[in-house]
C-alpha cells in the first residue's frame, strides 16, 4: 500500500481508498452520460445528425461554388479568346490600312512629280509661245488662216522634229 504524504491530507485519503474513489468517479461519469442521453431523447435535439446534415449541406455548397467557379472560369477563357481573336483581326486590318496608306502616299508622290513635270512643260510652252508671238510681225489673223490652209506644214512628231507632209 501507498502511504500518505504528511503535508497533503487529500492525497492521503485518495491513496488510502483507491477503489472507492474510482467507483465514485465511474458512477459520476455514468450518471452524466445517462442524464445527457435522457435530455437529448426528451428534447429531440441530437447534435450528431445535425452535424451530419450541416456537413452535407456545406459539402453541397462547396461543390456548387466550385462548379460556379469552373463555369465562370470557362466563360472568362472564352471571352478572353474572343478578345484575342478580335484584337488579331483589328491588327490585321491596321496593317492592311498601313499598307494601303503607304501605297497611296507613293502614288501621291508620283502624281506630284508628274504634276511638277507638267507644270514645267506648260511654263516652257507659255514662254515659247510668248517669244513666238513677240517675234512675229503683227498681221491680220485672216491672212494667217489663209496661209495656213494654202501651205501645208509638216507635223511635229513626239521627238519634236518635223515630219514631211504627204500631198
N, C-alpha and C. Protein backbone atom coordinates (compact mmCIF):
# COMPACT_ATOMS: atom_id res chain seq x y z
N UNK A 1 0.80 -1.18 0.00
CA UNK A 1 0.00 0.00 0.00
C UNK A 1 0.84 1.24 0.00
N UNK A 2 0.20 2.31 -0.53
CA UNK A 2 0.91 3.57 -0.60
C UNK A 2 0.64 4.33 0.66
N UNK A 3 1.65 4.86 1.21
CA UNK A 3 1.49 5.62 2.43
C UNK A 3 1.24 7.08 2.10
N UNK A 4 0.40 7.72 2.89
CA UNK A 4 0.09 9.12 2.62
C UNK A 4 1.28 10.02 2.86
N UNK A 5 1.34 11.11 2.06
CA UNK A 5 2.38 12.09 2.22
C UNK A 5 1.97 12.99 3.37
N UNK A 6 2.86 13.30 4.32
CA UNK A 6 2.46 14.02 5.51
C UNK A 6 1.93 15.43 5.26
N UNK A 7 2.35 16.13 4.23
CA UNK A 7 1.92 17.51 4.06
C UNK A 7 0.60 17.63 3.34
N UNK A 8 0.05 16.59 2.71
CA UNK A 8 -1.15 16.71 1.89
C UNK A 8 -2.17 15.71 2.41
N UNK A 9 -3.24 16.22 2.95
CA UNK A 9 -4.26 15.37 3.56
C UNK A 9 -5.13 14.72 2.49
N UNK A 10 -5.43 15.43 1.40
CA UNK A 10 -6.30 14.91 0.35
C UNK A 10 -5.62 13.74 -0.36
N UNK A 11 -4.36 13.86 -0.63
CA UNK A 11 -3.63 12.80 -1.29
C UNK A 11 -3.62 11.57 -0.40
N UNK A 12 -3.56 11.75 0.81
CA UNK A 12 -3.52 10.63 1.74
C UNK A 12 -4.84 9.88 1.74
N UNK A 13 -5.96 10.58 1.61
CA UNK A 13 -7.26 9.92 1.61
C UNK A 13 -7.50 9.18 0.30
N UNK A 14 -7.12 9.83 -0.82
CA UNK A 14 -7.35 9.20 -2.11
C UNK A 14 -6.45 7.97 -2.21
N UNK A 15 -5.27 8.10 -1.78
CA UNK A 15 -4.35 6.97 -1.87
C UNK A 15 -4.76 5.83 -0.95
N UNK A 16 -5.49 6.11 0.09
CA UNK A 16 -5.87 5.08 1.04
C UNK A 16 -7.03 4.26 0.51
N UNK A 17 -7.95 4.85 -0.25
CA UNK A 17 -9.11 4.11 -0.73
C UNK A 17 -9.27 4.30 -2.25
N UNK A 18 -8.42 3.76 -3.04
CA UNK A 18 -8.48 3.97 -4.50
C UNK A 18 -9.70 3.31 -5.13
N UNK A 19 -10.16 2.24 -4.63
CA UNK A 19 -11.31 1.56 -5.23
C UNK A 19 -12.57 2.38 -5.01
N UNK A 20 -12.72 2.97 -3.86
CA UNK A 20 -13.91 3.77 -3.57
C UNK A 20 -13.91 5.03 -4.43
N UNK A 21 -12.78 5.67 -4.59
CA UNK A 21 -12.69 6.89 -5.41
C UNK A 21 -12.98 6.54 -6.86
N UNK A 22 -12.45 5.46 -7.35
CA UNK A 22 -12.68 5.05 -8.72
C UNK A 22 -14.15 4.71 -8.93
N UNK A 23 -14.77 4.08 -7.98
CA UNK A 23 -16.18 3.72 -8.09
C UNK A 23 -17.05 4.98 -8.12
N UNK A 24 -16.73 5.95 -7.29
CA UNK A 24 -17.49 7.21 -7.27
C UNK A 24 -17.30 7.96 -8.61
N UNK A 25 -16.10 8.02 -9.13
CA UNK A 25 -15.85 8.70 -10.40
C UNK A 25 -16.57 7.99 -11.53
N UNK A 26 -16.56 6.67 -11.52
CA UNK A 26 -17.26 5.92 -12.55
C UNK A 26 -18.76 6.13 -12.47
N UNK A 27 -19.29 6.18 -11.30
CA UNK A 27 -20.72 6.43 -11.11
C UNK A 27 -21.07 7.83 -11.61
N UNK A 28 -20.22 8.81 -11.34
CA UNK A 28 -20.48 10.18 -11.80
C UNK A 28 -20.47 10.25 -13.32
N UNK A 29 -19.56 9.55 -13.94
CA UNK A 29 -19.47 9.55 -15.41
C UNK A 29 -20.70 8.89 -16.01
N UNK A 30 -21.10 7.72 -15.47
CA UNK A 30 -22.28 7.01 -15.97
C UNK A 30 -23.52 7.86 -15.77
N UNK A 31 -23.64 8.52 -14.63
CA UNK A 31 -24.78 9.39 -14.35
C UNK A 31 -24.80 10.58 -15.31
N UNK A 32 -23.66 11.15 -15.66
CA UNK A 32 -23.60 12.28 -16.59
C UNK A 32 -24.01 11.84 -17.99
N UNK A 33 -23.48 10.70 -18.46
CA UNK A 33 -23.88 10.20 -19.78
C UNK A 33 -25.36 9.86 -19.82
N UNK A 34 -25.86 9.28 -18.77
CA UNK A 34 -27.29 8.92 -18.72
C UNK A 34 -28.17 10.16 -18.76
N UNK A 35 -27.81 11.17 -18.01
CA UNK A 35 -28.63 12.40 -18.00
C UNK A 35 -28.56 13.11 -19.35
N UNK A 36 -27.40 13.09 -20.02
CA UNK A 36 -27.28 13.72 -21.34
C UNK A 36 -28.14 12.97 -22.35
N UNK A 37 -28.12 11.64 -22.33
CA UNK A 37 -28.92 10.88 -23.29
C UNK A 37 -30.40 11.03 -23.01
N UNK A 38 -30.82 11.09 -21.73
CA UNK A 38 -32.23 11.33 -21.41
C UNK A 38 -32.64 12.73 -21.87
N UNK A 39 -31.79 13.70 -21.69
CA UNK A 39 -32.11 15.08 -22.12
C UNK A 39 -32.24 15.16 -23.65
N UNK A 40 -31.36 14.51 -24.35
CA UNK A 40 -31.42 14.52 -25.82
C UNK A 40 -32.68 13.81 -26.32
N UNK A 41 -33.01 12.70 -25.70
CA UNK A 41 -34.21 11.97 -26.09
C UNK A 41 -35.46 12.78 -25.79
N UNK A 42 -35.51 13.43 -24.70
CA UNK A 42 -36.68 14.21 -24.30
C UNK A 42 -36.85 15.45 -25.19
N UNK A 43 -35.76 16.17 -25.48
CA UNK A 43 -35.86 17.38 -26.29
C UNK A 43 -35.81 17.09 -27.79
N UNK A 44 -35.39 15.94 -28.19
CA UNK A 44 -35.29 15.60 -29.61
C UNK A 44 -34.12 16.28 -30.29
N UNK A 45 -33.22 16.83 -29.55
CA UNK A 45 -32.07 17.53 -30.07
C UNK A 45 -30.87 16.61 -30.04
N UNK A 46 -30.56 16.04 -31.21
CA UNK A 46 -29.40 15.17 -31.30
C UNK A 46 -28.38 15.87 -32.18
N UNK A 47 -27.26 16.32 -31.63
CA UNK A 47 -26.31 17.10 -32.40
C UNK A 47 -25.60 16.30 -33.51
N UNK A 48 -25.49 14.96 -33.36
CA UNK A 48 -24.79 14.19 -34.38
C UNK A 48 -25.51 14.26 -35.73
N UNK A 49 -26.80 13.98 -35.81
CA UNK A 49 -27.47 14.09 -37.11
C UNK A 49 -27.44 15.53 -37.64
N UNK A 50 -27.55 16.52 -36.72
CA UNK A 50 -27.48 17.91 -37.17
C UNK A 50 -26.10 18.20 -37.77
N UNK A 51 -25.08 17.66 -37.16
CA UNK A 51 -23.73 17.86 -37.67
C UNK A 51 -23.57 17.20 -39.03
N UNK A 52 -24.12 16.01 -39.18
CA UNK A 52 -24.03 15.29 -40.45
C UNK A 52 -24.76 16.08 -41.54
N UNK A 53 -25.97 16.57 -41.20
CA UNK A 53 -26.75 17.34 -42.17
C UNK A 53 -26.01 18.63 -42.51
N UNK A 54 -25.47 19.31 -41.50
CA UNK A 54 -24.73 20.56 -41.74
C UNK A 54 -23.49 20.30 -42.60
N UNK A 55 -22.81 19.19 -42.34
CA UNK A 55 -21.63 18.85 -43.11
C UNK A 55 -22.00 18.56 -44.56
N UNK A 56 -23.11 17.82 -44.76
CA UNK A 56 -23.55 17.52 -46.13
C UNK A 56 -23.96 18.80 -46.86
N UNK A 57 -24.66 19.68 -46.15
CA UNK A 57 -25.05 20.95 -46.77
C UNK A 57 -23.82 21.78 -47.15
N UNK A 58 -22.85 21.80 -46.24
CA UNK A 58 -21.62 22.53 -46.51
C UNK A 58 -20.88 21.93 -47.72
N UNK A 59 -20.84 20.60 -47.81
CA UNK A 59 -20.21 19.94 -48.95
C UNK A 59 -20.95 20.27 -50.24
N UNK A 60 -22.30 20.26 -50.18
CA UNK A 60 -23.09 20.58 -51.37
C UNK A 60 -22.84 22.02 -51.81
N UNK A 61 -22.78 22.92 -50.85
CA UNK A 61 -22.49 24.32 -51.18
C UNK A 61 -21.09 24.47 -51.77
N UNK A 62 -20.14 23.73 -51.21
CA UNK A 62 -18.78 23.78 -51.72
C UNK A 62 -18.72 23.27 -53.16
N UNK A 63 -19.41 22.16 -53.42
CA UNK A 63 -19.44 21.61 -54.78
C UNK A 63 -20.10 22.61 -55.73
N UNK A 64 -21.21 23.20 -55.29
CA UNK A 64 -21.92 24.17 -56.12
C UNK A 64 -21.04 25.39 -56.39
N UNK A 65 -20.36 25.89 -55.37
CA UNK A 65 -19.47 27.04 -55.56
C UNK A 65 -18.31 26.67 -56.50
N UNK A 66 -17.80 25.45 -56.37
CA UNK A 66 -16.72 25.02 -57.26
C UNK A 66 -17.20 24.95 -58.70
N UNK A 67 -18.40 24.42 -58.91
CA UNK A 67 -18.96 24.34 -60.26
C UNK A 67 -19.18 25.74 -60.84
N UNK A 68 -19.66 26.65 -60.02
CA UNK A 68 -19.87 28.03 -60.48
C UNK A 68 -18.53 28.67 -60.85
N UNK A 69 -17.52 28.42 -60.03
CA UNK A 69 -16.19 28.96 -60.35
C UNK A 69 -15.65 28.39 -61.66
N UNK A 70 -15.87 27.09 -61.87
CA UNK A 70 -15.41 26.45 -63.11
C UNK A 70 -16.15 27.06 -64.30
N UNK A 71 -17.48 27.25 -64.17
CA UNK A 71 -18.26 27.85 -65.26
C UNK A 71 -17.80 29.28 -65.54
N UNK A 72 -17.60 30.04 -64.50
CA UNK A 72 -17.14 31.43 -64.68
C UNK A 72 -15.75 31.46 -65.30
N UNK A 73 -14.88 30.55 -64.89
CA UNK A 73 -13.54 30.49 -65.45
C UNK A 73 -13.61 30.15 -66.94
N UNK A 74 -14.46 29.19 -67.28
CA UNK A 74 -14.62 28.85 -68.70
C UNK A 74 -15.17 30.03 -69.49
N UNK A 75 -16.15 30.73 -68.89
CA UNK A 75 -16.69 31.91 -69.55
C UNK A 75 -15.64 32.98 -69.76
N UNK A 76 -14.81 33.19 -68.75
CA UNK A 76 -13.73 34.16 -68.88
C UNK A 76 -12.71 33.74 -69.93
N UNK A 77 -12.41 32.46 -69.98
CA UNK A 77 -11.49 31.96 -71.00
C UNK A 77 -12.05 32.19 -72.39
N UNK A 78 -13.35 31.90 -72.56
CA UNK A 78 -13.98 32.11 -73.87
C UNK A 78 -13.98 33.59 -74.23
N UNK A 79 -14.32 34.44 -73.27
CA UNK A 79 -14.32 35.88 -73.52
C UNK A 79 -12.92 36.36 -73.85
N UNK A 80 -11.94 35.86 -73.14
CA UNK A 80 -10.55 36.25 -73.40
C UNK A 80 -10.12 35.82 -74.79
N UNK A 81 -10.50 34.60 -75.19
CA UNK A 81 -10.14 34.12 -76.52
C UNK A 81 -10.83 34.96 -77.59
N UNK A 82 -12.10 35.33 -77.38
CA UNK A 82 -12.80 36.18 -78.33
C UNK A 82 -12.11 37.54 -78.44
N UNK A 83 -11.70 38.07 -77.30
CA UNK A 83 -11.00 39.36 -77.31
C UNK A 83 -9.68 39.25 -78.06
N UNK A 84 -8.96 38.16 -77.87
CA UNK A 84 -7.69 37.96 -78.57
C UNK A 84 -7.94 37.87 -80.07
N UNK A 85 -8.98 37.11 -80.46
CA UNK A 85 -9.31 36.98 -81.89
C UNK A 85 -9.68 38.33 -82.48
N UNK A 86 -10.50 39.10 -81.77
CA UNK A 86 -10.89 40.42 -82.26
C UNK A 86 -9.68 41.34 -82.37
N UNK A 87 -8.79 41.26 -81.42
CA UNK A 87 -7.58 42.08 -81.46
C UNK A 87 -6.72 41.70 -82.66
N UNK A 88 -6.61 40.42 -82.95
CA UNK A 88 -5.83 39.99 -84.11
C UNK A 88 -6.47 40.50 -85.40
N UNK A 89 -7.80 40.47 -85.47
CA UNK A 89 -8.49 40.99 -86.66
C UNK A 89 -8.21 42.47 -86.81
N UNK A 90 -8.29 43.20 -85.70
CA UNK A 90 -8.04 44.65 -85.74
C UNK A 90 -6.59 44.92 -86.16
N UNK A 91 -5.65 44.12 -85.64
CA UNK A 91 -4.24 44.30 -86.02
C UNK A 91 -4.04 44.03 -87.51
N UNK A 92 -4.70 42.99 -88.01
CA UNK A 92 -4.60 42.70 -89.45
C UNK A 92 -5.17 43.84 -90.28
N UNK A 93 -6.31 44.37 -89.83
CA UNK A 93 -6.92 45.48 -90.54
C UNK A 93 -6.02 46.71 -90.50
N UNK A 94 -5.39 46.94 -89.36
CA UNK A 94 -4.49 48.07 -89.22
C UNK A 94 -3.29 47.92 -90.16
N UNK A 95 -2.74 46.73 -90.26
CA UNK A 95 -1.62 46.51 -91.17
C UNK A 95 -2.06 46.73 -92.62
N UNK A 96 -3.26 46.28 -92.95
CA UNK A 96 -3.77 46.49 -94.31
C UNK A 96 -3.93 47.97 -94.59
N UNK A 97 -4.48 48.70 -93.62
CA UNK A 97 -4.66 50.15 -93.79
C UNK A 97 -3.30 50.83 -93.92
N UNK A 98 -2.32 50.39 -93.16
CA UNK A 98 -0.97 50.98 -93.27
C UNK A 98 -0.37 50.73 -94.65
N UNK A 99 -0.54 49.49 -95.16
CA UNK A 99 -0.02 49.19 -96.49
C UNK A 99 -0.72 50.03 -97.55
N UNK A 100 -2.04 50.14 -97.43
CA UNK A 100 -2.79 50.94 -98.40
C UNK A 100 -2.37 52.41 -98.32
N UNK A 101 -2.17 52.90 -97.10
CA UNK A 101 -1.75 54.29 -96.92
C UNK A 101 -0.37 54.52 -97.53
N UNK A 102 0.54 53.57 -97.32
CA UNK A 102 1.88 53.70 -97.90
C UNK A 102 1.80 53.70 -99.43
N UNK A 103 0.98 52.81 -99.99
CA UNK A 103 0.82 52.77 -101.45
C UNK A 103 0.20 54.06 -101.96
N UNK A 104 -0.78 54.56 -101.21
CA UNK A 104 -1.42 55.82 -101.61
C UNK A 104 -0.44 56.99 -101.54
N UNK A 105 0.39 57.00 -100.52
CA UNK A 105 1.38 58.07 -100.40
C UNK A 105 2.40 57.98 -101.55
N UNK A 106 2.78 56.76 -101.92
CA UNK A 106 3.71 56.60 -103.05
C UNK A 106 3.05 57.10 -104.34
N UNK A 107 1.78 56.75 -104.53
CA UNK A 107 1.05 57.25 -105.71
C UNK A 107 0.95 58.76 -105.69
N UNK A 108 0.70 59.32 -104.52
CA UNK A 108 0.60 60.78 -104.40
C UNK A 108 1.93 61.43 -104.76
N UNK A 109 3.04 60.84 -104.30
CA UNK A 109 4.36 61.38 -104.64
C UNK A 109 4.60 61.33 -106.15
N UNK A 110 4.25 60.18 -106.76
CA UNK A 110 4.43 60.06 -108.21
C UNK A 110 3.58 61.10 -108.95
N UNK A 111 2.33 61.24 -108.52
CA UNK A 111 1.46 62.22 -109.16
C UNK A 111 1.98 63.63 -108.96
N UNK A 112 2.50 63.92 -107.77
CA UNK A 112 3.05 65.25 -107.51
C UNK A 112 4.25 65.51 -108.43
N UNK A 113 5.09 64.49 -108.63
CA UNK A 113 6.22 64.65 -109.54
C UNK A 113 5.74 64.86 -110.97
N UNK A 114 4.71 64.11 -111.35
CA UNK A 114 4.17 64.26 -112.70
C UNK A 114 3.55 65.65 -112.89
N UNK A 115 2.82 66.11 -111.87
CA UNK A 115 2.22 67.45 -111.94
C UNK A 115 3.33 68.49 -112.03
N UNK A 116 4.39 68.31 -111.28
CA UNK A 116 5.53 69.23 -111.35
C UNK A 116 6.13 69.25 -112.75
N UNK A 117 6.29 68.05 -113.33
CA UNK A 117 6.82 67.97 -114.69
C UNK A 117 5.89 68.63 -115.69
N UNK A 118 4.60 68.40 -115.54
CA UNK A 118 3.63 69.03 -116.45
C UNK A 118 3.61 70.54 -116.28
N UNK A 119 3.73 70.99 -115.04
CA UNK A 119 3.77 72.43 -114.79
C UNK A 119 4.97 73.05 -115.46
N UNK A 120 6.11 72.40 -115.35
CA UNK A 120 7.32 72.91 -116.01
C UNK A 120 7.13 72.92 -117.53
N UNK A 121 6.52 71.87 -118.08
CA UNK A 121 6.29 71.81 -119.53
C UNK A 121 5.34 72.92 -119.97
N UNK A 122 4.27 73.15 -119.19
CA UNK A 122 3.31 74.22 -119.53
C UNK A 122 4.00 75.57 -119.46
N UNK A 123 4.82 75.76 -118.45
CA UNK A 123 5.55 77.04 -118.34
C UNK A 123 6.49 77.21 -119.52
N UNK A 124 7.16 76.15 -119.92
CA UNK A 124 8.05 76.21 -121.08
C UNK A 124 7.27 76.56 -122.35
N UNK A 125 6.09 75.94 -122.51
CA UNK A 125 5.26 76.25 -123.67
C UNK A 125 4.79 77.69 -123.64
N UNK A 126 4.43 78.17 -122.46
CA UNK A 126 4.00 79.57 -122.34
C UNK A 126 5.12 80.52 -122.76
N UNK A 127 6.30 80.22 -122.26
CA UNK A 127 7.44 81.09 -122.60
C UNK A 127 7.74 81.03 -124.10
N UNK A 128 7.71 79.83 -124.67
CA UNK A 128 7.99 79.73 -126.11
C UNK A 128 6.88 80.37 -126.93
N UNK A 129 5.65 80.23 -126.50
CA UNK A 129 4.54 80.85 -127.20
C UNK A 129 4.65 82.37 -127.10
N UNK A 130 4.98 82.85 -125.93
CA UNK A 130 5.14 84.30 -125.74
C UNK A 130 6.29 84.81 -126.60
N UNK A 131 7.37 84.06 -126.69
CA UNK A 131 8.50 84.51 -127.51
C UNK A 131 8.16 84.45 -129.00
N UNK A 132 7.37 83.48 -129.42
CA UNK A 132 6.96 83.38 -130.82
C UNK A 132 6.03 84.54 -131.17
N UNK A 133 5.12 84.86 -130.28
CA UNK A 133 4.21 85.97 -130.53
C UNK A 133 4.96 87.29 -130.59
N UNK A 134 5.94 87.44 -129.77
CA UNK A 134 6.71 88.68 -129.73
C UNK A 134 7.56 88.80 -131.00
N UNK A 135 8.03 87.71 -131.55
CA UNK A 135 8.90 87.78 -132.73
C UNK A 135 8.10 87.87 -134.03
N UNK A 136 6.84 87.48 -134.09
CA UNK A 136 6.02 87.57 -135.29
C UNK A 136 5.57 89.00 -135.51
N UNK A 137 5.57 89.41 -136.80
CA UNK A 137 5.04 90.75 -137.06
C UNK A 137 3.53 90.72 -136.93
N UNK A 138 2.97 91.83 -136.59
CA UNK A 138 1.53 91.93 -136.41
C UNK A 138 0.87 91.84 -137.76
N UNK A 139 0.15 90.79 -138.05
CA UNK A 139 -0.57 90.61 -139.30
C UNK A 139 -2.00 90.27 -138.99
N UNK A 140 -2.87 90.54 -139.89
CA UNK A 140 -4.26 90.21 -139.64
C UNK A 140 -4.40 88.70 -139.49
N UNK A 141 -5.30 88.32 -138.68
CA UNK A 141 -5.47 86.91 -138.40
C UNK A 141 -6.08 86.19 -139.59
N UNK A 142 -6.82 86.89 -140.46
CA UNK A 142 -7.43 86.24 -141.62
C UNK A 142 -6.36 85.78 -142.58
N UNK A 143 -5.33 86.60 -142.81
CA UNK A 143 -4.27 86.20 -143.72
C UNK A 143 -3.49 85.01 -143.15
N UNK A 144 -3.41 84.95 -141.85
CA UNK A 144 -2.71 83.84 -141.23
C UNK A 144 -3.48 82.55 -141.46
N UNK A 145 -4.80 82.62 -141.41
CA UNK A 145 -5.61 81.44 -141.61
C UNK A 145 -5.51 80.98 -143.05
N UNK A 146 -5.49 81.92 -143.99
CA UNK A 146 -5.39 81.54 -145.40
C UNK A 146 -4.04 80.90 -145.69
N UNK A 147 -3.01 81.49 -145.15
CA UNK A 147 -1.69 80.94 -145.44
C UNK A 147 -1.54 79.56 -144.83
N UNK A 148 -2.18 79.31 -143.73
CA UNK A 148 -2.10 78.01 -143.10
C UNK A 148 -2.82 76.99 -143.94
N UNK A 149 -3.90 77.41 -144.58
CA UNK A 149 -4.63 76.47 -145.41
C UNK A 149 -3.91 76.28 -146.74
N UNK A 150 -3.32 77.31 -147.24
CA UNK A 150 -2.68 77.23 -148.55
C UNK A 150 -1.41 76.40 -148.50
N UNK A 151 -0.64 76.56 -147.45
CA UNK A 151 0.63 75.85 -147.37
C UNK A 151 0.51 74.77 -146.28
N UNK A 152 0.59 73.54 -146.65
CA UNK A 152 0.55 72.52 -145.60
C UNK A 152 1.89 72.50 -144.86
N UNK A 153 1.81 72.55 -143.58
CA UNK A 153 3.02 72.50 -142.75
C UNK A 153 3.28 71.07 -142.34
N UNK A 154 4.50 70.80 -141.99
CA UNK A 154 4.85 69.47 -141.51
C UNK A 154 4.31 69.25 -140.09
N UNK A 155 4.04 68.05 -139.78
CA UNK A 155 3.51 67.72 -138.46
C UNK A 155 4.69 67.37 -137.56
N UNK A 156 4.65 67.88 -136.35
CA UNK A 156 5.72 67.59 -135.41
C UNK A 156 5.49 66.21 -134.79
N UNK A 157 6.56 65.48 -134.64
CA UNK A 157 6.48 64.16 -134.01
C UNK A 157 6.73 64.33 -132.53
N UNK A 158 6.64 63.22 -131.83
CA UNK A 158 6.83 63.25 -130.39
C UNK A 158 8.23 63.70 -130.03
N UNK A 159 9.23 63.53 -130.93
CA UNK A 159 10.60 63.93 -130.64
C UNK A 159 10.82 65.39 -130.94
N UNK A 160 9.85 66.06 -131.56
CA UNK A 160 9.97 67.49 -131.81
C UNK A 160 10.47 67.78 -133.21
N UNK A 161 10.76 66.78 -134.06
CA UNK A 161 11.22 67.01 -135.44
C UNK A 161 10.01 67.06 -136.34
N UNK A 162 10.13 67.85 -137.37
CA UNK A 162 9.01 67.95 -138.32
C UNK A 162 9.03 66.76 -139.24
N UNK A 163 7.86 66.21 -139.43
CA UNK A 163 7.72 65.12 -140.37
C UNK A 163 7.37 65.69 -141.74
N UNK A 164 7.75 65.05 -142.79
CA UNK A 164 7.47 65.58 -144.15
C UNK A 164 6.00 65.39 -144.42
N UNK A 165 5.39 66.40 -144.97
CA UNK A 165 3.96 66.31 -145.26
C UNK A 165 3.76 65.55 -146.54
N UNK A 166 2.76 64.78 -146.61
CA UNK A 166 2.47 64.00 -147.80
C UNK A 166 1.36 64.70 -148.57
N UNK A 167 1.59 65.02 -149.80
CA UNK A 167 0.50 65.58 -150.57
C UNK A 167 0.83 66.76 -151.29
